[in-house]
């Protein structure tokens, strides 16, 4: 794991389920050097956990907002050191 990697956990609220949100996030992440997952939560939000360089993680978040921003009402974000636990980026259920 690189020294300059971080973990970012984001909870998106709004009309974020049933609109292809997870698949779009996975597609965006596939073009970046990030690992982690995205999943629907029982409360109707979507959870995104991404690890990578701060620049790559920020690009992921910006691309998600640019692509899916019309569905997002609010965003809660937290950052911490990366754990290195992920092998790739996946949709979880």
PDB file of N, CA and C in Angstrom:
ATOM      1  N   UNK A   1       0.850  -1.184   0.000  1.00  0.00           N
ATOM      2  CA  UNK A   1       0.000   0.000   0.000  1.00  0.00           C
ATOM      3  C   UNK A   1       0.888   1.237   0.000  1.00  0.00           C
ATOM      4  N   UNK A   2       0.596   2.159  -0.876  1.00  0.00           N
ATOM      5  CA  UNK A   2       1.382   3.391  -0.959  1.00  0.00           C
ATOM      6  C   UNK A   2       1.175   4.245   0.288  1.00  0.00           C
ATOM      7  N   UNK A   3       2.196   5.017   0.606  1.00  0.00           N
ATOM      8  CA  UNK A   3       2.119   5.856   1.799  1.00  0.00           C
ATOM      9  C   UNK A   3       1.110   6.988   1.671  1.00  0.00           C
ATOM     10  N   UNK A   4       0.887   7.453   0.450  1.00  0.00           N
ATOM     11  CA  UNK A   4       0.010   8.611   0.263  1.00  0.00           C
ATOM     12  C   UNK A   4      -1.409   8.211  -0.126  1.00  0.00           C
ATOM     13  N   UNK A   5      -1.869   7.072   0.348  1.00  0.00           N
ATOM     14  CA  UNK A   5      -3.227   6.650   0.025  1.00  0.00           C
ATOM     15  C   UNK A   5      -4.168   6.980   1.175  1.00  0.00           C
ATOM     16  N   UNK A   6      -5.426   7.165   0.820  1.00  0.00           N
ATOM     17  CA  UNK A   6      -6.437   7.472   1.820  1.00  0.00           C
ATOM     18  C   UNK A   6      -7.692   6.644   1.552  1.00  0.00           C
ATOM     19  N   UNK A   7      -8.534   6.609   2.557  1.00  0.00           N
ATOM     20  CA  UNK A   7      -9.841   5.943   2.463  1.00  0.00           C
ATOM     21  C   UNK A   7     -10.884   7.039   2.599  1.00  0.00           C
ATOM     22  N   UNK A   8     -11.859   6.996   1.718  1.00  0.00           N
ATOM     23  CA  UNK A   8     -12.956   7.960   1.777  1.00  0.00           C
ATOM     24  C   UNK A   8     -14.262   7.184   1.803  1.00  0.00           C
ATOM     25  N   UNK A   9     -15.079   7.457   2.804  1.00  0.00           N
ATOM     26  CA  UNK A   9     -16.407   6.846   2.883  1.00  0.00           C
ATOM     27  C   UNK A   9     -17.441   7.945   2.689  1.00  0.00           C
ATOM     28  N   UNK A  10     -18.342   7.703   1.733  1.00  0.00           N
ATOM     29  CA  UNK A  10     -19.341   8.706   1.388  1.00  0.00           C
ATOM     30  C   UNK A  10     -20.721   8.069   1.436  1.00  0.00           C
ATOM     31  N   UNK A  11     -21.683   8.797   2.003  1.00  0.00           N
ATOM     32  CA  UNK A  11     -23.085   8.383   1.986  1.00  0.00           C
ATOM     33  C   UNK A  11     -23.845   9.417   1.167  1.00  0.00           C
ATOM     34  N   UNK A  12     -24.448   8.943   0.083  1.00  0.00           N
ATOM     35  CA  UNK A  12     -25.240   9.806  -0.791  1.00  0.00           C
ATOM     36  C   UNK A  12     -26.713   9.607  -0.481  1.00  0.00           C
ATOM     37  N   UNK A  13     -27.438  10.714  -0.306  1.00  0.00           N
ATOM     38  CA  UNK A  13     -28.879  10.655  -0.100  1.00  0.00           C
ATOM     39  C   UNK A  13     -29.559  11.390  -1.251  1.00  0.00           C
ATOM     40  N   UNK A  14     -30.802  11.039  -1.481  1.00  0.00           N
ATOM     41  CA  UNK A  14     -31.579  11.621  -2.565  1.00  0.00           C
ATOM     42  C   UNK A  14     -32.273  10.495  -3.311  1.00  0.00           C
ATOM     43  N   UNK A  15     -32.444  10.684  -4.619  1.00  0.00           N
ATOM     44  CA  UNK A  15     -33.018   9.601  -5.428  1.00  0.00           C
ATOM     45  C   UNK A  15     -31.852   8.808  -6.021  1.00  0.00           C
ATOM     46  N   UNK A  16     -31.161   8.073  -5.149  1.00  0.00           N
ATOM     47  CA  UNK A  16     -29.913   7.424  -5.533  1.00  0.00           C
ATOM     48  C   UNK A  16     -30.044   5.907  -5.692  1.00  0.00           C
ATOM     49  N   UNK A  17     -31.219   5.375  -5.440  1.00  0.00           N
ATOM     50  CA  UNK A  17     -31.436   3.946  -5.662  1.00  0.00           C
ATOM     51  C   UNK A  17     -32.431   3.783  -6.806  1.00  0.00           C
ATOM     52  N   UNK A  18     -32.173   2.774  -7.647  1.00  0.00           N
ATOM     53  CA  UNK A  18     -33.061   2.509  -8.769  1.00  0.00           C
ATOM     54  C   UNK A  18     -32.814   3.395  -9.981  1.00  0.00           C
ATOM     55  N   UNK A  19     -31.664   4.085 -10.002  1.00  0.00           N
ATOM     56  CA  UNK A  19     -31.352   4.986 -11.121  1.00  0.00           C
ATOM     57  C   UNK A  19     -30.007   4.639 -11.776  1.00  0.00           C
ATOM     58  N   UNK A  20     -29.462   3.458 -11.463  1.00  0.00           N
ATOM     59  CA  UNK A  20     -28.177   3.052 -12.026  1.00  0.00           C
ATOM     60  C   UNK A  20     -26.983   3.673 -11.326  1.00  0.00           C
ATOM     61  N   UNK A  21     -27.185   4.164 -10.114  1.00  0.00           N
ATOM     62  CA  UNK A  21     -26.126   4.866  -9.385  1.00  0.00           C
ATOM     63  C   UNK A  21     -24.921   3.972  -9.145  1.00  0.00           C
ATOM     64  N   UNK A  22     -25.146   2.778  -8.610  1.00  0.00           N
ATOM     65  CA  UNK A  22     -24.024   1.878  -8.293  1.00  0.00           C
ATOM     66  C   UNK A  22     -23.254   1.476  -9.548  1.00  0.00           C
ATOM     67  N   UNK A  23     -23.981   1.185 -10.613  1.00  0.00           N
ATOM     68  CA  UNK A  23     -23.321   0.771 -11.852  1.00  0.00           C
ATOM     69  C   UNK A  23     -22.506   1.910 -12.454  1.00  0.00           C
ATOM     70  N   UNK A  24     -23.026   3.125 -12.353  1.00  0.00           N
ATOM     71  CA  UNK A  24     -22.302   4.291 -12.846  1.00  0.00           C
ATOM     72  C   UNK A  24     -21.034   4.510 -12.031  1.00  0.00           C
ATOM     73  N   UNK A  25     -21.138   4.401 -10.705  1.00  0.00           N
ATOM     74  CA  UNK A  25     -19.964   4.572  -9.842  1.00  0.00           C
ATOM     75  C   UNK A  25     -18.916   3.509 -10.169  1.00  0.00           C
ATOM     76  N   UNK A  26     -19.343   2.275 -10.351  1.00  0.00           N
ATOM     77  CA  UNK A  26     -18.391   1.205 -10.678  1.00  0.00           C
ATOM     78  C   UNK A  26     -17.701   1.495 -12.005  1.00  0.00           C
ATOM     79  N   UNK A  27     -18.446   1.992 -12.980  1.00  0.00           N
ATOM     80  CA  UNK A  27     -17.868   2.305 -14.287  1.00  0.00           C
ATOM     81  C   UNK A  27     -16.844   3.439 -14.164  1.00  0.00           C
ATOM     82  N   UNK A  28     -17.169   4.470 -13.420  1.00  0.00           N
ATOM     83  CA  UNK A  28     -16.235   5.580 -13.213  1.00  0.00           C
ATOM     84  C   UNK A  28     -14.984   5.082 -12.503  1.00  0.00           C
ATOM     85  N   UNK A  29     -15.178   4.295 -11.450  1.00  0.00           N
ATOM     86  CA  UNK A  29     -14.039   3.790 -10.674  1.00  0.00           C
ATOM     87  C   UNK A  29     -13.135   2.901 -11.522  1.00  0.00           C
ATOM     88  N   UNK A  30     -13.719   2.198 -12.483  1.00  0.00           N
ATOM     89  CA  UNK A  30     -12.934   1.319 -13.342  1.00  0.00           C
ATOM     90  C   UNK A  30     -11.903   2.050 -14.171  1.00  0.00           C
ATOM     91  N   UNK A  31     -12.128   3.332 -14.405  1.00  0.00           N
ATOM     92  CA  UNK A  31     -11.183   4.125 -15.175  1.00  0.00           C
ATOM     93  C   UNK A  31     -10.162   4.847 -14.314  1.00  0.00           C
ATOM     94  N   UNK A  32     -10.218   4.624 -13.003  1.00  0.00           N
ATOM     95  CA  UNK A  32      -9.316   5.298 -12.071  1.00  0.00           C
ATOM     96  C   UNK A  32      -8.541   4.269 -11.253  1.00  0.00           C
ATOM     97  N   UNK A  33      -7.492   4.710 -10.624  1.00  0.00           N
ATOM     98  CA  UNK A  33      -6.681   3.825  -9.791  1.00  0.00           C
ATOM     99  C   UNK A  33      -7.196   3.872  -8.344  1.00  0.00           C
ATOM    100  N   UNK A  34      -8.409   3.337  -8.156  1.00  0.00           N
ATOM    101  CA  UNK A  34      -9.031   3.278  -6.834  1.00  0.00           C
ATOM    102  C   UNK A  34      -9.567   1.873  -6.591  1.00  0.00           C
ATOM    103  N   UNK A  35      -9.686   1.528  -5.326  1.00  0.00           N
ATOM    104  CA  UNK A  35     -10.298   0.260  -4.934  1.00  0.00           C
ATOM    105  C   UNK A  35     -11.413   0.569  -3.944  1.00  0.00           C
ATOM    106  N   UNK A  36     -12.285  -0.419  -3.706  1.00  0.00           N
ATOM    107  CA  UNK A  36     -13.354  -0.232  -2.741  1.00  0.00           C
ATOM    108  C   UNK A  36     -14.653  -0.839  -3.220  1.00  0.00           C
ATOM    109  N   UNK A  37     -15.768  -0.230  -2.789  1.00  0.00           N
ATOM    110  CA  UNK A  37     -17.078  -0.761  -3.156  1.00  0.00           C
ATOM    111  C   UNK A  37     -18.140   0.320  -3.079  1.00  0.00           C
ATOM    112  N   UNK A  38     -19.279   0.007  -3.668  1.00  0.00           N
ATOM    113  CA  UNK A  38     -20.465   0.856  -3.582  1.00  0.00           C
ATOM    114  C   UNK A  38     -21.646  -0.069  -3.323  1.00  0.00           C
ATOM    115  N   UNK A  39     -22.573   0.346  -2.463  1.00  0.00           N
ATOM    116  CA  UNK A  39     -23.747  -0.491  -2.175  1.00  0.00           C
ATOM    117  C   UNK A  39     -24.923   0.352  -1.712  1.00  0.00           C
ATOM    118  N   UNK A  40     -26.113  -0.188  -1.972  1.00  0.00           N
ATOM    119  CA  UNK A  40     -27.341   0.422  -1.457  1.00  0.00           C
ATOM    120  C   UNK A  40     -27.449   0.110   0.026  1.00  0.00           C
ATOM    121  N   UNK A  41     -27.960   1.072   0.783  1.00  0.00           N
ATOM    122  CA  UNK A  41     -28.200   0.882   2.213  1.00  0.00           C
ATOM    123  C   UNK A  41     -29.704   0.743   2.434  1.00  0.00           C
ATOM    124  N   UNK A  42     -30.098   0.032   3.495  1.00  0.00           N
ATOM    125  CA  UNK A  42     -31.531  -0.152   3.763  1.00  0.00           C
ATOM    126  C   UNK A  42     -32.289   1.161   3.977  1.00  0.00           C
ATOM    127  N   UNK A  43     -31.594   2.231   4.371  1.00  0.00           N
ATOM    128  CA  UNK A  43     -32.265   3.515   4.616  1.00  0.00           C
ATOM    129  C   UNK A  43     -32.471   4.338   3.345  1.00  0.00           C
ATOM    130  N   UNK A  44     -32.134   3.756   2.180  1.00  0.00           N
ATOM    131  CA  UNK A  44     -32.352   4.456   0.917  1.00  0.00           C
ATOM    132  C   UNK A  44     -31.149   5.255   0.427  1.00  0.00           C
ATOM    133  N   UNK A  45     -30.066   5.266   1.206  1.00  0.00           N
ATOM    134  CA  UNK A  45     -28.855   5.953   0.774  1.00  0.00           C
ATOM    135  C   UNK A  45     -27.949   4.977   0.031  1.00  0.00           C
ATOM    136  N   UNK A  46     -26.901   5.518  -0.562  1.00  0.00           N
ATOM    137  CA  UNK A  46     -25.878   4.699  -1.194  1.00  0.00           C
ATOM    138  C   UNK A  46     -24.561   4.980  -0.485  1.00  0.00           C
ATOM    139  N   UNK A  47     -23.851   3.912  -0.116  1.00  0.00           N
ATOM    140  CA  UNK A  47     -22.550   4.020   0.536  1.00  0.00           C
ATOM    141  C   UNK A  47     -21.458   3.744  -0.484  1.00  0.00           C
ATOM    142  N   UNK A  48     -20.470   4.616  -0.522  1.00  0.00           N
ATOM    143  CA  UNK A  48     -19.301   4.460  -1.378  1.00  0.00           C
ATOM    144  C   UNK A  48     -18.073   4.465  -0.481  1.00  0.00           C
ATOM    145  N   UNK A  49     -17.243   3.446  -0.603  1.00  0.00           N
ATOM    146  CA  UNK A  49     -15.960   3.400   0.100  1.00  0.00           C
ATOM    147  C   UNK A  49     -14.887   3.258  -0.968  1.00  0.00           C
ATOM    148  N   UNK A  50     -13.959   4.209  -0.998  1.00  0.00           N
ATOM    149  CA  UNK A  50     -12.906   4.186  -2.007  1.00  0.00           C
ATOM    150  C   UNK A  50     -11.558   4.428  -1.347  1.00  0.00           C
ATOM    151  N   UNK A  51     -10.556   3.718  -1.846  1.00  0.00           N
ATOM    152  CA  UNK A  51      -9.188   3.916  -1.391  1.00  0.00           C
ATOM    153  C   UNK A  51      -8.295   4.164  -2.593  1.00  0.00           C
ATOM    154  N   UNK A  52      -7.350   5.047  -2.417  1.00  0.00           N
ATOM    155  CA  UNK A  52      -6.389   5.369  -3.470  1.00  0.00           C
ATOM    156  C   UNK A  52      -5.665   6.648  -3.101  1.00  0.00           C
ATOM    157  N   UNK A  53      -4.933   7.197  -4.057  1.00  0.00           N
ATOM    158  CA  UNK A  53      -4.267   8.476  -3.799  1.00  0.00           C
ATOM    159  C   UNK A  53      -5.337   9.543  -3.617  1.00  0.00           C
ATOM    160  N   UNK A  54      -5.037  10.569  -2.831  1.00  0.00           N
ATOM    161  CA  UNK A  54      -6.031  11.640  -2.650  1.00  0.00           C
ATOM    162  C   UNK A  54      -6.518  12.207  -3.978  1.00  0.00           C
ATOM    163  N   UNK A  55      -5.628  12.330  -4.953  1.00  0.00           N
ATOM    164  CA  UNK A  55      -6.006  12.872  -6.257  1.00  0.00           C
ATOM    165  C   UNK A  55      -7.009  11.960  -6.969  1.00  0.00           C
ATOM    166  N   UNK A  56      -6.757  10.652  -6.965  1.00  0.00           N
ATOM    167  CA  UNK A  56      -7.653   9.709  -7.641  1.00  0.00           C
ATOM    168  C   UNK A  56      -9.000   9.619  -6.927  1.00  0.00           C
ATOM    169  N   UNK A  57      -8.983   9.589  -5.595  1.00  0.00           N
ATOM    170  CA  UNK A  57     -10.234   9.539  -4.832  1.00  0.00           C
ATOM    171  C   UNK A  57     -11.056  10.801  -5.097  1.00  0.00           C
ATOM    172  N   UNK A  58     -10.410  11.950  -5.104  1.00  0.00           N
ATOM    173  CA  UNK A  58     -11.118  13.210  -5.364  1.00  0.00           C
ATOM    174  C   UNK A  58     -11.706  13.218  -6.767  1.00  0.00           C
ATOM    175  N   UNK A  59     -10.966  12.699  -7.727  1.00  0.00           N
ATOM    176  CA  UNK A  59     -11.480  12.643  -9.100  1.00  0.00           C
ATOM    177  C   UNK A  59     -12.716  11.749  -9.174  1.00  0.00           C
ATOM    178  N   UNK A  60     -12.684  10.628  -8.467  1.00  0.00           N
ATOM    179  CA  UNK A  60     -13.851   9.742  -8.421  1.00  0.00           C
ATOM    180  C   UNK A  60     -15.064  10.499  -7.891  1.00  0.00           C
ATOM    181  N   UNK A  61     -14.893  11.180  -6.771  1.00  0.00           N
ATOM    182  CA  UNK A  61     -16.012  11.902  -6.161  1.00  0.00           C
ATOM    183  C   UNK A  61     -16.523  13.014  -7.079  1.00  0.00           C
ATOM    184  N   UNK A  62     -15.610  13.713  -7.739  1.00  0.00           N
ATOM    185  CA  UNK A  62     -16.022  14.780  -8.648  1.00  0.00           C
ATOM    186  C   UNK A  62     -16.763  14.221  -9.859  1.00  0.00           C
ATOM    187  N   UNK A  63     -16.273  13.095 -10.398  1.00  0.00           N
ATOM    188  CA  UNK A  63     -16.929  12.488 -11.555  1.00  0.00           C
ATOM    189  C   UNK A  63     -18.303  11.934 -11.190  1.00  0.00           C
ATOM    190  N   UNK A  64     -18.439  11.371  -9.981  1.00  0.00           N
ATOM    191  CA  UNK A  64     -19.746  10.880  -9.529  1.00  0.00           C
ATOM    192  C   UNK A  64     -20.712  12.051  -9.421  1.00  0.00           C
ATOM    193  N   UNK A  65     -20.268  13.153  -8.832  1.00  0.00           N
ATOM    194  CA  UNK A  65     -21.148  14.324  -8.689  1.00  0.00           C
ATOM    195  C   UNK A  65     -21.508  14.897 -10.056  1.00  0.00           C
ATOM    196  N   UNK A  66     -20.548  14.949 -10.973  1.00  0.00           N
ATOM    197  CA  UNK A  66     -20.812  15.490 -12.305  1.00  0.00           C
ATOM    198  C   UNK A  66     -21.809  14.630 -13.077  1.00  0.00           C
ATOM    199  N   UNK A  67     -21.719  13.317 -12.898  1.00  0.00           N
ATOM    200  CA  UNK A  67     -22.568  12.390 -13.642  1.00  0.00           C
ATOM    201  C   UNK A  67     -23.923  12.174 -12.980  1.00  0.00           C
ATOM    202  N   UNK A  68     -23.946  12.043 -11.659  1.00  0.00           N
ATOM    203  CA  UNK A  68     -25.163  11.665 -10.928  1.00  0.00           C
ATOM    204  C   UNK A  68     -25.698  12.769 -10.023  1.00  0.00           C
ATOM    205  N   UNK A  69     -25.154  13.973 -10.147  1.00  0.00           N
ATOM    206  CA  UNK A  69     -25.515  15.072  -9.252  1.00  0.00           C
ATOM    207  C   UNK A  69     -26.997  15.406  -9.209  1.00  0.00           C
ATOM    208  N   UNK A  70     -27.709  15.190 -10.319  1.00  0.00           N
ATOM    209  CA  UNK A  70     -29.142  15.494 -10.335  1.00  0.00           C
ATOM    210  C   UNK A  70     -29.937  14.599  -9.391  1.00  0.00           C
ATOM    211  N   UNK A  71     -29.380  13.454  -9.018  1.00  0.00           N
ATOM    212  CA  UNK A  71     -30.066  12.513  -8.124  1.00  0.00           C
ATOM    213  C   UNK A  71     -29.654  12.692  -6.661  1.00  0.00           C
ATOM    214  N   UNK A  72     -28.577  13.427  -6.426  1.00  0.00           N
ATOM    215  CA  UNK A  72     -28.011  13.556  -5.080  1.00  0.00           C
ATOM    216  C   UNK A  72     -28.596  14.773  -4.380  1.00  0.00           C
ATOM    217  N   UNK A  73     -29.150  14.550  -3.178  1.00  0.00           N
ATOM    218  CA  UNK A  73     -29.676  15.651  -2.368  1.00  0.00           C
ATOM    219  C   UNK A  73     -28.645  16.088  -1.322  1.00  0.00           C
ATOM    220  N   UNK A  74     -27.940  15.125  -0.722  1.00  0.00           N
ATOM    221  CA  UNK A  74     -26.930  15.465   0.283  1.00  0.00           C
ATOM    222  C   UNK A  74     -25.824  14.420   0.283  1.00  0.00           C
ATOM    223  N   UNK A  75     -24.674  14.848   0.798  1.00  0.00           N
ATOM    224  CA  UNK A  75     -23.482  13.994   0.831  1.00  0.00           C
ATOM    225  C   UNK A  75     -22.845  14.100   2.205  1.00  0.00           C
ATOM    226  N   UNK A  76     -22.558  12.950   2.814  1.00  0.00           N
ATOM    227  CA  UNK A  76     -21.784  12.915   4.053  1.00  0.00           C
ATOM    228  C   UNK A  76     -20.486  12.195   3.726  1.00  0.00           C
ATOM    229  N   UNK A  77     -19.367  12.819   4.030  1.00  0.00           N
ATOM    230  CA  UNK A  77     -18.071  12.292   3.627  1.00  0.00           C
ATOM    231  C   UNK A  77     -17.115  12.255   4.812  1.00  0.00           C
ATOM    232  N   UNK A  78     -16.353  11.176   4.920  1.00  0.00           N
ATOM    233  CA  UNK A  78     -15.301  11.100   5.932  1.00  0.00           C
ATOM    234  C   UNK A  78     -14.068  10.462   5.311  1.00  0.00           C
ATOM    235  N   UNK A  79     -12.909  10.900   5.769  1.00  0.00           N
ATOM    236  CA  UNK A  79     -11.643  10.386   5.245  1.00  0.00           C
ATOM    237  C   UNK A  79     -10.792   9.845   6.385  1.00  0.00           C
ATOM    238  N   UNK A  80     -10.015   8.818   6.079  1.00  0.00           N
ATOM    239  CA  UNK A  80      -9.124   8.197   7.046  1.00  0.00           C
ATOM    240  C   UNK A  80      -7.993   7.520   6.282  1.00  0.00           C
ATOM    241  N   UNK A  81      -6.996   7.002   6.979  1.00  0.00           N
ATOM    242  CA  UNK A  81      -5.922   6.304   6.274  1.00  0.00           C
ATOM    243  C   UNK A  81      -6.462   5.051   5.569  1.00  0.00           C
ATOM    244  N   UNK A  82      -5.891   4.736   4.422  1.00  0.00           N
ATOM    245  CA  UNK A  82      -6.309   3.540   3.677  1.00  0.00           C
ATOM    246  C   UNK A  82      -5.939   2.277   4.449  1.00  0.00           C
ATOM    247  N   UNK A  83      -6.758   1.245   4.292  1.00  0.00           N
ATOM    248  CA  UNK A  83      -6.495  -0.033   4.955  1.00  0.00           C
ATOM    249  C   UNK A  83      -5.830  -1.042   4.023  1.00  0.00           C
ATOM    250  N   UNK A  84      -5.988  -0.843   2.725  1.00  0.00           N
ATOM    251  CA  UNK A  84      -5.422  -1.780   1.763  1.00  0.00           C
ATOM    252  C   UNK A  84      -6.187  -3.082   1.659  1.00  0.00           C
ATOM    253  N   UNK A  85      -7.417  -3.118   2.163  1.00  0.00           N
ATOM    254  CA  UNK A  85      -8.179  -4.373   2.219  1.00  0.00           C
ATOM    255  C   UNK A  85      -8.839  -4.765   0.900  1.00  0.00           C
ATOM    256  N   UNK A  86      -8.918  -3.867  -0.064  1.00  0.00           N
ATOM    257  CA  UNK A  86      -9.656  -4.152  -1.297  1.00  0.00           C
ATOM    258  C   UNK A  86      -8.717  -4.537  -2.435  1.00  0.00           C
ATOM    259  N   UNK A  87      -9.166  -5.472  -3.266  1.00  0.00           N
ATOM    260  CA  UNK A  87      -8.394  -5.900  -4.426  1.00  0.00           C
ATOM    261  C   UNK A  87      -8.802  -5.137  -5.682  1.00  0.00           C
ATOM    262  N   UNK A  88     -10.032  -4.688  -5.740  1.00  0.00           N
ATOM    263  CA  UNK A  88     -10.549  -3.986  -6.910  1.00  0.00           C
ATOM    264  C   UNK A  88     -11.697  -3.105  -6.455  1.00  0.00           C
ATOM    265  N   UNK A  89     -12.578  -2.766  -7.382  1.00  0.00           N
ATOM    266  CA  UNK A  89     -13.750  -1.968  -7.047  1.00  0.00           C
ATOM    267  C   UNK A  89     -14.986  -2.745  -7.462  1.00  0.00           C
ATOM    268  N   UNK A  90     -15.935  -2.916  -6.537  1.00  0.00           N
ATOM    269  CA  UNK A  90     -17.084  -3.784  -6.803  1.00  0.00           C
ATOM    270  C   UNK A  90     -18.376  -3.185  -6.272  1.00  0.00           C
ATOM    271  N   UNK A  91     -19.462  -3.734  -6.786  1.00  0.00           N
ATOM    272  CA  UNK A  91     -20.787  -3.447  -6.230  1.00  0.00           C
ATOM    273  C   UNK A  91     -21.052  -4.524  -5.183  1.00  0.00           C
ATOM    274  N   UNK A  92     -21.467  -4.106  -4.018  1.00  0.00           N
ATOM    275  CA  UNK A  92     -21.818  -5.058  -2.951  1.00  0.00           C
ATOM    276  C   UNK A  92     -23.319  -5.018  -2.722  1.00  0.00           C
ATOM    277  N   UNK A  93     -23.842  -6.150  -2.241  1.00  0.00           N
ATOM    278  CA  UNK A  93     -25.261  -6.240  -1.915  1.00  0.00           C
ATOM    279  C   UNK A  93     -25.438  -6.546  -0.462  1.00  0.00           C
TER     280      UNK A  93
END
